[in-house]
C-alpha atoms as a PDB file:
ATOM      1  CA  MET A   1     -47.725  83.472 -95.320  1.00  0.00           C
ATOM      2  CA  THR A   2     -49.489  80.741 -94.749  1.00  0.00           C
ATOM      3  CA  VAL A   3     -47.861  78.291 -92.025  1.00  0.00           C
ATOM      4  CA  GLU A   4     -50.686  75.456 -90.747  1.00  0.00           C
ATOM      5  CA  MET A   5     -51.635  73.043 -93.536  1.00  0.00           C
ATOM      6  CA  THR A   6     -55.434  72.946 -93.294  1.00  0.00           C
ATOM      7  CA  PRO A   7     -58.347  71.638 -95.435  1.00  0.00           C
ATOM      8  CA  GLU A   8     -59.294  75.492 -95.808  1.00  0.00           C
ATOM      9  CA  SER A   9     -55.964  76.175 -96.347  1.00  0.00           C
ATOM     10  CA  LEU A  10     -55.569  73.901 -99.406  1.00  0.00           C
ATOM     11  CA  LYS A  11     -58.964  74.452-100.818  1.00  0.00           C
ATOM     12  CA  LYS A  12     -58.014  78.586-101.071  1.00  0.00           C
ATOM     13  CA  ILE A  13     -54.731  77.582-102.822  1.00  0.00           C
ATOM     14  CA  CYS A  14     -56.448  75.468-105.424  1.00  0.00           C
ATOM     15  CA  LYS A  15     -59.412  78.309-105.625  1.00  0.00           C
ATOM     16  CA  ASP A  16     -56.643  80.949-106.385  1.00  0.00           C
ATOM     17  CA  LEU A  17     -54.899  79.090-108.738  1.00  0.00           C
ATOM     18  CA  LYS A  18     -58.410  78.280-110.644  1.00  0.00           C
ATOM     19  CA  GLN A  19     -58.361  74.311-109.761  1.00  0.00           C
ATOM     20  CA  TYR A  20     -61.135  72.207-108.208  1.00  0.00           C
ATOM     21  CA  ASN A  21     -62.916  72.931-105.147  1.00  0.00           C
ATOM     22  CA  THR A  22     -63.687  68.986-105.048  1.00  0.00           C
ATOM     23  CA  ALA A  23     -60.463  67.969-103.727  1.00  0.00           C
ATOM     24  CA  GLU A  24     -59.813  64.484-105.692  1.00  0.00           C
ATOM     25  CA  LEU A  25     -60.262  66.277-108.603  1.00  0.00           C
ATOM     26  CA  ASN A  26     -57.129  67.866-108.616  1.00  0.00           C
ATOM     27  CA  ASP A  27     -54.457  66.472-110.611  1.00  0.00           C
ATOM     28  CA  LYS A  28     -51.479  68.891-109.046  1.00  0.00           C
ATOM     29  CA  LEU A  29     -51.285  70.425-106.014  1.00  0.00           C
ATOM     30  CA  TYR A  30     -48.550  73.617-105.956  1.00  0.00           C
ATOM     31  CA  LEU A  31     -47.976  73.971-101.929  1.00  0.00           C
ATOM     32  CA  HIS A  32     -44.297  75.016-102.451  1.00  0.00           C
ATOM     33  CA  PHE A  33     -42.863  78.203-101.049  1.00  0.00           C
ATOM     34  CA  LYS A  34     -45.760  78.278 -98.082  1.00  0.00           C
ATOM     35  CA  GLY A  35     -43.943  77.982 -94.843  1.00  0.00           C
ATOM     36  CA  TRP A  36     -45.448  74.608 -93.763  1.00  0.00           C
ATOM     37  CA  LYS A  37     -43.710  72.931 -90.906  1.00  0.00           C
ATOM     38  CA  CYS A  38     -45.248  69.821 -91.653  1.00  0.00           C
ATOM     39  CA  ILE A  39     -47.353  67.507 -93.970  1.00  0.00           C
ATOM     40  CA  SER A  40     -50.719  67.490 -92.187  1.00  0.00           C
ATOM     41  CA  PRO A  41     -53.768  64.529 -92.538  1.00  0.00           C
ATOM     42  CA  ALA A  42     -55.574  67.228 -94.680  1.00  0.00           C
ATOM     43  CA  ILE A  43     -53.644  66.469 -97.808  1.00  0.00           C
ATOM     44  CA  SER A  44     -54.985  62.960 -97.768  1.00  0.00           C
ATOM     45  CA  ALA A  45     -58.492  64.663 -99.272  1.00  0.00           C
ATOM     46  CA  TYR A  46     -56.017  65.162-102.495  1.00  0.00           C
ATOM     47  CA  THR A  47     -56.259  61.371-103.869  1.00  0.00           C
ATOM     48  CA  GLY A  48     -56.192  61.927-107.609  1.00  0.00           C
ATOM     49  CA  VAL A  49     -53.019  64.128-107.279  1.00  0.00           C
ATOM     50  CA  ARG A  50     -50.502  63.114-109.615  1.00  0.00           C
ATOM     51  CA  ALA A  51     -47.871  65.501-108.667  1.00  0.00           C
ATOM     52  CA  LEU A  52     -47.238  67.314-105.786  1.00  0.00           C
ATOM     53  CA  TRP A  53     -44.881  70.154-105.197  1.00  0.00           C
ATOM     54  CA  LEU A  54     -43.779  70.747-101.735  1.00  0.00           C
ATOM     55  CA  GLU A  55     -39.915  72.625-102.606  1.00  0.00           C
ATOM     56  CA  GLY A  56     -39.262  75.491-100.555  1.00  0.00           C
ATOM     57  CA  ASN A  57     -40.986  74.719 -97.086  1.00  0.00           C
ATOM     58  CA  GLY A  58     -39.513  73.677 -93.530  1.00  0.00           C
ATOM     59  CA  LEU A  59     -40.808  70.076 -93.892  1.00  0.00           C
ATOM     60  CA  GLN A  60     -38.480  68.143 -91.107  1.00  0.00           C
ATOM     61  CA  LYS A  61     -40.810  64.705 -92.543  1.00  0.00           C
ATOM     62  CA  ILE A  62     -42.438  62.934 -95.212  1.00  0.00           C
ATOM     63  CA  GLU A  63     -45.836  61.880 -93.959  1.00  0.00           C
ATOM     64  CA  ASN A  64     -49.443  61.355 -94.692  1.00  0.00           C
ATOM     65  CA  LEU A  65     -49.110  60.847 -98.153  1.00  0.00           C
ATOM     66  CA  GLN A  66     -49.942  57.446 -98.177  1.00  0.00           C
ATOM     67  CA  ASP A  67     -53.891  57.642 -99.812  1.00  0.00           C
ATOM     68  CA  LEU A  68     -51.590  59.741-102.602  1.00  0.00           C
ATOM     69  CA  LYS A  69     -52.037  56.809-104.918  1.00  0.00           C
ATOM     70  CA  GLU A  70     -51.945  58.369-107.572  1.00  0.00           C
ATOM     71  CA  LEU A  71     -48.368  60.449-107.022  1.00  0.00           C
ATOM     72  CA  ARG A  72     -46.556  60.173-110.182  1.00  0.00           C
ATOM     73  CA  CYS A  73     -44.311  63.147-109.089  1.00  0.00           C
ATOM     74  CA  LEU A  74     -42.724  64.406-105.599  1.00  0.00           C
ATOM     75  CA  PHE A  75     -40.850  67.380-105.471  1.00  0.00           C
ATOM     76  CA  MET A  76     -39.629  68.087-101.643  1.00  0.00           C
ATOM     77  CA  GLN A  77     -36.114  69.512-102.487  1.00  0.00           C
ATOM     78  CA  GLN A  78     -35.381  72.716-100.310  1.00  0.00           C
ATOM     79  CA  ASN A  79     -36.670  71.289 -96.972  1.00  0.00           C
ATOM     80  CA  LEU A  80     -35.119  70.426 -94.231  1.00  0.00           C
ATOM     81  CA  LEU A  81     -35.588  66.050 -93.983  1.00  0.00           C
ATOM     82  CA  GLU A  82     -33.062  63.882 -92.606  1.00  0.00           C
ATOM     83  CA  GLU A  83     -34.736  60.787 -93.905  1.00  0.00           C
ATOM     84  CA  ILE A  84     -36.609  59.513 -97.000  1.00  0.00           C
ATOM     85  CA  GLU A  85     -39.859  57.795 -95.561  1.00  0.00           C
ATOM     86  CA  GLY A  86     -43.783  57.480 -96.147  1.00  0.00           C
ATOM     87  CA  LEU A  87     -43.623  56.273 -99.388  1.00  0.00           C
ATOM     88  CA  ASP A  88     -44.502  52.765 -98.943  1.00  0.00           C
ATOM     89  CA  THR A  89     -48.116  52.797-100.521  1.00  0.00           C
ATOM     90  CA  LEU A  90     -47.071  55.189-103.793  1.00  0.00           C
ATOM     91  CA  SER A  91     -46.408  52.426-106.211  1.00  0.00           C
ATOM     92  CA  GLU A  92     -46.986  54.649-109.009  1.00  0.00           C
ATOM     93  CA  LEU A  93     -43.775  57.106-107.950  1.00  0.00           C
ATOM     94  CA  ASP A  94     -41.892  57.840-111.060  1.00  0.00           C
ATOM     95  CA  THR A  95     -39.672  61.027-110.245  1.00  0.00           C
ATOM     96  CA  LEU A  96     -38.812  62.329-106.534  1.00  0.00           C
ATOM     97  CA  ASN A  97     -36.972  65.170-105.476  1.00  0.00           C
ATOM     98  CA  VAL A  98     -35.047  65.381-102.500  1.00  0.00           C
ATOM     99  CA  ALA A  99     -32.273  68.154-103.036  1.00  0.00           C
ATOM    100  CA  ASP A 100     -31.524  70.596-100.765  1.00  0.00           C
ATOM    101  CA  ASN A 101     -32.277  68.708 -98.044  1.00  0.00           C
ATOM    102  CA  GLN A 102     -30.116  67.036 -94.823  1.00  0.00           C
ATOM    103  CA  LEU A 103     -30.466  63.730 -95.936  1.00  0.00           C
ATOM    104  CA  ARG A 104     -27.691  61.363 -94.259  1.00  0.00           C
ATOM    105  CA  LYS A 105     -28.592  58.188 -96.157  1.00  0.00           C
ATOM    106  CA  ILE A 106     -30.620  56.721 -99.357  1.00  0.00           C
ATOM    107  CA  SER A 107     -33.171  54.588 -97.849  1.00  0.00           C
ATOM    108  CA  ASN A 108     -36.495  53.045 -98.561  1.00  0.00           C
ATOM    109  CA  LEU A 109     -37.390  53.363-102.307  1.00  0.00           C
ATOM    110  CA  ALA A 110     -36.437  49.713-103.531  1.00  0.00           C
ATOM    111  CA  HIS A 111     -40.325  48.844-102.644  1.00  0.00           C
ATOM    112  CA  LEU A 112     -41.242  51.374-105.397  1.00  0.00           C
ATOM    113  CA  PRO A 113     -41.640  49.201-108.943  1.00  0.00           C
ATOM    114  CA  VAL A 114     -41.860  52.239-111.429  1.00  0.00           C
ATOM    115  CA  LEU A 115     -39.273  55.005-109.710  1.00  0.00           C
ATOM    116  CA  LYS A 116     -37.360  56.311-112.850  1.00  0.00           C
ATOM    117  CA  THR A 117     -35.537  59.231-111.079  1.00  0.00           C
ATOM    118  CA  LEU A 118     -34.118  60.413-108.215  1.00  0.00           C
ATOM    119  CA  GLN A 119     -32.710  63.819-107.320  1.00  0.00           C
ATOM    120  CA  ALA A 120     -30.369  64.181-103.854  1.00  0.00           C
ATOM    121  CA  ALA A 121     -28.162  66.926-104.884  1.00  0.00           C
ATOM    122  CA  ASN A 122     -26.566  68.745-101.765  1.00  0.00           C
ATOM    123  CA  ASN A 123     -27.590  66.663 -98.757  1.00  0.00           C
ATOM    124  CA  ARG A 124     -25.156  65.345 -96.253  1.00  0.00           C
ATOM    125  CA  LEU A 125     -24.284  62.034 -97.883  1.00  0.00           C
ATOM    126  CA  THR A 126     -20.575  60.882 -96.879  1.00  0.00           C
ATOM    127  CA  ASP A 127     -19.735  56.909 -96.652  1.00  0.00           C
ATOM    128  CA  LEU A 128     -20.424  54.196 -98.890  1.00  0.00           C
ATOM    129  CA  SER A 129     -23.146  52.748 -96.569  1.00  0.00           C
ATOM    130  CA  ASP A 130     -25.353  55.645 -96.865  1.00  0.00           C
ATOM    131  CA  VAL A 131     -25.980  55.237-100.600  1.00  0.00           C
ATOM    132  CA  GLU A 132     -25.825  51.577-101.043  1.00  0.00           C
ATOM    133  CA  HIS A 133     -29.330  50.846-101.101  1.00  0.00           C
ATOM    134  CA  LEU A 134     -29.378  52.427-104.741  1.00  0.00           C
ATOM    135  CA  ALA A 135     -27.818  48.988-105.472  1.00  0.00           C
ATOM    136  CA  GLN A 136     -31.157  47.971-104.857  1.00  0.00           C
ATOM    137  CA  CYS A 137     -33.398  50.303-106.647  1.00  0.00           C
ATOM    138  CA  LYS A 138     -33.433  48.162-110.216  1.00  0.00           C
ATOM    139  CA  SER A 139     -35.951  51.043-112.056  1.00  0.00           C
ATOM    140  CA  LEU A 140     -33.727  54.120-111.529  1.00  0.00           C
ATOM    141  CA  SER A 141     -32.251  55.672-114.791  1.00  0.00           C
ATOM    142  CA  VAL A 142     -31.454  59.362-113.268  1.00  0.00           C
ATOM    143  CA  VAL A 143     -29.605  59.785-110.509  1.00  0.00           C
ATOM    144  CA  ASP A 144     -28.120  63.030-109.256  1.00  0.00           C
ATOM    145  CA  LEU A 145     -25.880  63.172-106.229  1.00  0.00           C
ATOM    146  CA  SER A 146     -23.655  65.928-106.673  1.00  0.00           C
ATOM    147  CA  ASN A 147     -22.464  68.089-104.404  1.00  0.00           C
ATOM    148  CA  ASN A 148     -22.492  65.626-101.714  1.00  0.00           C
ATOM    149  CA  LYS A 149     -19.559  64.260 -99.677  1.00  0.00           C
ATOM    150  CA  LEU A 150     -18.695  60.933-100.778  1.00  0.00           C
ATOM    151  CA  GLU A 151     -15.551  59.954-101.205  1.00  0.00           C
ATOM    152  CA  ASP A 152     -15.522  56.440-101.498  1.00  0.00           C
ATOM    153  CA  GLU A 153     -14.635  55.039-104.881  1.00  0.00           C
ATOM    154  CA  GLY A 154     -17.108  51.904-103.969  1.00  0.00           C
ATOM    155  CA  ILE A 155     -19.966  54.132-105.670  1.00  0.00           C
ATOM    156  CA  ILE A 156     -19.274  53.078-108.788  1.00  0.00           C
ATOM    157  CA  ALA A 157     -19.458  49.766-108.011  1.00  0.00           C
ATOM    158  CA  ILE A 158     -22.801  50.290-106.589  1.00  0.00           C
ATOM    159  CA  LEU A 159     -24.087  52.246-109.680  1.00  0.00           C
ATOM    160  CA  GLU A 160     -22.703  49.344-111.700  1.00  0.00           C
ATOM    161  CA  GLN A 161     -25.301  47.323-110.136  1.00  0.00           C
ATOM    162  CA  MET A 162     -28.299  49.366-111.218  1.00  0.00           C
ATOM    163  CA  PRO A 163     -29.216  48.027-114.777  1.00  0.00           C
ATOM    164  CA  GLU A 164     -31.343  50.560-116.210  1.00  0.00           C
ATOM    165  CA  LEU A 165     -29.295  53.760-115.063  1.00  0.00           C
ATOM    166  CA  ARG A 166     -28.215  56.024-118.019  1.00  0.00           C
ATOM    167  CA  VAL A 167     -28.162  59.631-116.177  1.00  0.00           C
ATOM    168  CA  VAL A 168     -25.767  60.011-113.114  1.00  0.00           C
ATOM    169  CA  GLN A 169     -24.438  63.346-111.161  1.00  0.00           C
ATOM    170  CA  LEU A 170     -21.640  62.987-109.155  1.00  0.00           C
ATOM    171  CA  GLN A 171     -19.798  65.998-109.460  1.00  0.00           C
ATOM    172  CA  GLY A 172     -19.152  68.591-106.483  1.00  0.00           C
ATOM    173  CA  ASN A 173     -17.959  65.176-104.283  1.00  0.00           C
ATOM    174  CA  PRO A 174     -14.465  64.388-103.574  1.00  0.00           C
ATOM    175  CA  VAL A 175     -14.917  60.761-105.173  1.00  0.00           C
ATOM    176  CA  VAL A 176     -14.525  62.757-108.315  1.00  0.00           C
ATOM    177  CA  ARG A 177     -11.090  63.991-107.808  1.00  0.00           C
ATOM    178  CA  LYS A 178     -10.224  60.479-106.559  1.00  0.00           C
ATOM    179  CA  ILE A 179     -10.599  58.547-109.578  1.00  0.00           C
ATOM    180  CA  SER A 180      -7.780  58.487-112.311  1.00  0.00           C
ATOM    181  CA  GLN A 181      -9.122  59.684-115.701  1.00  0.00           C
ATOM    182  CA  TYR A 182     -12.662  59.601-113.921  1.00  0.00           C
ATOM    183  CA  ARG A 183     -14.888  60.422-116.714  1.00  0.00           C
ATOM    184  CA  LYS A 184     -13.160  57.497-118.647  1.00  0.00           C
ATOM    185  CA  ASN A 185     -13.620  54.980-116.394  1.00  0.00           C
ATOM    186  CA  VAL A 186     -16.815  55.785-115.560  1.00  0.00           C
ATOM    187  CA  ILE A 187     -18.118  55.526-118.953  1.00  0.00           C
ATOM    188  CA  CYS A 188     -16.305  52.193-119.387  1.00  0.00           C
ATOM    189  CA  ARG A 189     -17.726  50.895-116.257  1.00  0.00           C
ATOM    190  CA  LEU A 190     -21.193  51.996-116.436  1.00  0.00           C
ATOM    191  CA  ARG A 191     -21.640  50.890-120.034  1.00  0.00           C
ATOM    192  CA  GLY A 192     -25.287  52.275-120.367  1.00  0.00           C
ATOM    193  CA  LEU A 193     -25.030  55.513-119.704  1.00  0.00           C
ATOM    194  CA  THR A 194     -25.856  58.535-121.717  1.00  0.00           C
ATOM    195  CA  TYR A 195     -25.191  61.477-119.874  1.00  0.00           C
ATOM    196  CA  LEU A 196     -22.483  62.165-116.901  1.00  0.00           C
ATOM    197  CA  ASP A 197     -22.125  64.845-115.060  1.00  0.00           C
ATOM    198  CA  ASP A 198     -22.025  68.104-117.259  1.00  0.00           C
ATOM    199  CA  ARG A 199     -22.343  66.836-120.603  1.00  0.00           C
ATOM    200  CA  PRO A 200     -23.778  63.523-122.849  1.00  0.00           C
ATOM    201  CA  VAL A 201     -21.866  60.367-123.262  1.00  0.00           C
ATOM    202  CA  PHE A 202     -21.858  60.265-127.201  1.00  0.00           C
ATOM    203  CA  GLU A 203     -21.104  57.001-128.906  1.00  0.00           C
ATOM    204  CA  ASP A 204     -17.747  57.949-130.520  1.00  0.00           C
ATOM    205  CA  GLU A 205     -16.458  58.727-126.344  1.00  0.00           C
ATOM    206  CA  ARG A 206     -17.561  55.909-125.484  1.00  0.00           C
ATOM    207  CA  ARG A 207     -15.323  54.108-127.912  1.00  0.00           C
ATOM    208  CA  LEU A 208     -12.621  56.117-127.187  1.00  0.00           C
ATOM    209  CA  ALA A 209     -12.612  55.472-123.282  1.00  0.00           C
ATOM    210  CA  GLN A 210     -13.123  51.457-124.043  1.00  0.00           C
ATOM    211  CA  ALA A 211     -10.098  51.703-126.456  1.00  0.00           C
ATOM    212  CA  TRP A 212      -8.115  53.751-123.489  1.00  0.00           C
ATOM    213  CA  GLN A 213      -9.252  51.302-121.387  1.00  0.00           C
ATOM    214  CA  SER A 214      -7.697  48.247-123.329  1.00  0.00           C
ATOM    215  CA  GLY A 215      -4.996  49.743-125.353  1.00  0.00           C
ATOM    216  CA  GLY A 216      -3.660  52.759-123.263  1.00  0.00           C
ATOM    217  CA  ARG A 217      -2.966  55.990-125.403  1.00  0.00           C
ATOM    218  CA  GLU A 218      -1.936  54.132-128.407  1.00  0.00           C
ATOM    219  CA  GLY A 219      -5.389  52.284-128.360  1.00  0.00           C
ATOM    220  CA  GLU A 220      -7.158  55.590-127.936  1.00  0.00           C
ATOM    221  CA  LYS A 221      -5.556  56.859-130.687  1.00  0.00           C
ATOM    222  CA  ALA A 222      -5.895  53.915-133.236  1.00  0.00           C
ATOM    223  CA  GLU A 223      -9.366  53.930-132.724  1.00  0.00           C
ATOM    224  CA  ARG A 224      -9.585  57.778-133.253  1.00  0.00           C
ATOM    225  CA  GLU A 225      -8.520  57.206-136.687  1.00  0.00           C
ATOM    226  CA  ALA A 226     -10.798  54.376-136.974  1.00  0.00           C
ATOM    227  CA  ILE A 227     -13.584  56.943-136.494  1.00  0.00           C
ATOM    228  CA  ARG A 228     -12.270  59.136-138.752  1.00  0.00           C
ATOM    229  CA  LEU A 229     -12.410  56.910-141.305  1.00  0.00           C
ATOM    230  CA  GLU A 230     -15.495  55.553-140.674  1.00  0.00           C
ATOM    231  CA  LYS A 231     -16.376  59.029-140.910  1.00  0.00           C
ATOM    232  CA  ASP A 232     -15.092  59.606-144.145  1.00  0.00           C
ATOM    233  CA  ALA A 233     -16.186  56.486-145.775  1.00  0.00           C
ATOM    234  CA  LYS A 234     -20.008  57.324-144.547  1.00  0.00           C
ATOM    235  CA  GLU A 235     -19.827  60.821-145.998  1.00  0.00           C
ATOM    236  CA  GLU A 236     -18.286  59.926-149.316  1.00  0.00           C
ATOM    237  CA  ALA A 237     -21.296  57.046-149.067  1.00  0.00           C
ATOM    238  CA  ASN A 238     -23.825  60.232-149.152  1.00  0.00           C
ATOM    239  CA  ARG A 239     -22.310  62.222-151.477  1.00  0.00           C
ATOM    240  CA  LYS A 240     -22.035  59.193-154.228  1.00  0.00           C
ATOM    241  CA  ALA A 241     -25.617  58.274-152.826  1.00  0.00           C
ATOM    242  CA  PHE A 242     -27.052  62.171-153.648  1.00  0.00           C
ATOM    243  CA  GLN A 243     -25.149  61.936-157.264  1.00  0.00           C
ATOM    244  CA  ASP A 244     -26.485  58.462-158.466  1.00  0.00           C
ATOM    245  CA  MET A 245     -29.746  60.325-157.260  1.00  0.00           C
ATOM    246  CA  ILE A 246     -29.090  63.278-159.266  1.00  0.00           C
ATOM    247  CA  ASP A 247     -27.600  61.708-162.295  1.00  0.00           C
ATOM    248  CA  ALA A 248     -31.176  59.296-162.171  1.00  0.00           C
ATOM    249  CA  SER A 249     -33.381  61.965-162.137  1.00  0.00           C
ATOM    250  CA  ARG A 250     -31.721  63.573-164.944  1.00  0.00           C
ATOM    251  CA  ALA A 251     -31.561  60.687-167.188  1.00  0.00           C
ATOM    252  CA  ARG A 252     -35.529  60.042-166.503  1.00  0.00           C
ATOM    253  CA  ARG A 253     -36.441  63.411-167.503  1.00  0.00           C
ATOM    254  CA  ALA A 254     -34.020  63.589-170.507  1.00  0.00           C
ATOM    255  CA  ALA A 255     -35.690  60.508-171.734  1.00  0.00           C
ATOM    256  CA  GLU A 256     -39.583  61.690-170.926  1.00  0.00           C
ATOM    257  CA  ASP A 257     -37.894  65.082-172.969  1.00  0.00           C
ATOM    258  CA  PRO A 258     -35.464  64.779-174.585  1.00  0.00           C
ATOM    259  CA  GLU A 259     -35.574  68.334-176.479  1.00  0.00           C
ATOM    260  CA  SER A 260     -34.534  69.749-172.714  1.00  0.00           C
ATOM    261  CA  VAL A 261     -31.561  70.552-170.668  1.00  0.00           C
ATOM    262  CA  PHE A 262     -31.918  69.472-167.116  1.00  0.00           C
ATOM    263  CA  CYS A 263     -29.547  71.154-164.259  1.00  0.00           C
ATOM    264  CA  PHE A 264     -29.591  70.812-160.502  1.00  0.00           C
ATOM    265  CA  CYS A 265     -29.925  74.022-158.463  1.00  0.00           C
ATOM    266  CA  PRO A 266     -28.166  73.218-154.889  1.00  0.00           C
ATOM    267  CA  PHE A 267     -30.102  75.918-153.701  1.00  0.00           C
ATOM    268  CA  GLN A 268     -33.281  75.258-154.408  1.00  0.00           C
ATOM    269  CA  GLU A 269     -33.489  71.594-154.135  1.00  0.00           C
ATOM    270  CA  HIS A 270     -35.167  71.029-157.339  1.00  0.00           C
ATOM    271  CA  PHE A 271     -34.273  70.682-160.865  1.00  0.00           C
ATOM    272  CA  ILE A 272     -34.428  73.814-163.576  1.00  0.00           C
ATOM    273  CA  VAL A 273     -35.570  72.895-167.072  1.00  0.00           C
ATOM    274  CA  HIS A 274     -34.141  74.718-169.895  1.00  0.00           C
ATOM    275  CA  THR A 275     -35.174  73.891-173.063  1.00  0.00           C
ATOM    276  CA  ARG A 276     -32.042  73.301-176.180  1.00  0.00           C
ATOM    277  CA  LEU A 277     -32.598  76.796-177.733  1.00  0.00           C
ATOM    278  CA  GLN A 278     -32.423  78.496-174.055  1.00  0.00           C
ATOM    279  CA  VAL A 279     -28.897  77.007-173.582  1.00  0.00           C
ATOM    280  CA  CYS A 280     -27.636  77.715-176.628  1.00  0.00           C
ATOM    281  CA  ARG A 281     -28.885  81.618-176.348  1.00  0.00           C
END
């Protein structure tokens, strides 16, 4: 197992994976599960890398990545990181995975203008102050904080300040049990959500949650009935439109050939033409 990151070891990895010998030509770098203890300056030669896999090592610090200015995706899960740092020059970074580390605080991300995905599950986040930096990360749309130790219900107020937020993972934190009607409350407060924890948020669920918020159980019941009636009306409209299409096609074909009878076959989705003589037989 490689335990030291050197220019030679990096070049060998690229060679074994049939990548380029010239460092800067590689746009992917697979350095996961190599036993690295640190990220050495040798990595700075790979200036064209857009996706970097470093998970499953023993890394304690994010460092020496300042020259990888094309980097879009950085995967550093399953390491020993205690702090998010060393990303100052990575203005193109879109995805950061720091799950399964030893982070006690979310920090140093607000300066990343296009960061959309942050995966920070299974860390040591506990207090509201540990995650309040998220309110400054206006570009984030996916945030995974599952299986930490967050207890303060104020986490929702922080998430409310993130205008692009669409996906939130909070399961496995004590705060989930502390918030009454957790799912309904979160959906009502984070109006842009499309996915919460283990399942998507559909428009019907959002409507029911908002009706519950404003009118309690009776309001939710009335909204459910309204949704049912809307669906029934839509299905009836679709059936009528389909029947109108069949009738119009039958009339058109009959006008073109008055000696034939046209029957629609729903299984084959086309019209079967029979002459009147065939029909009589």
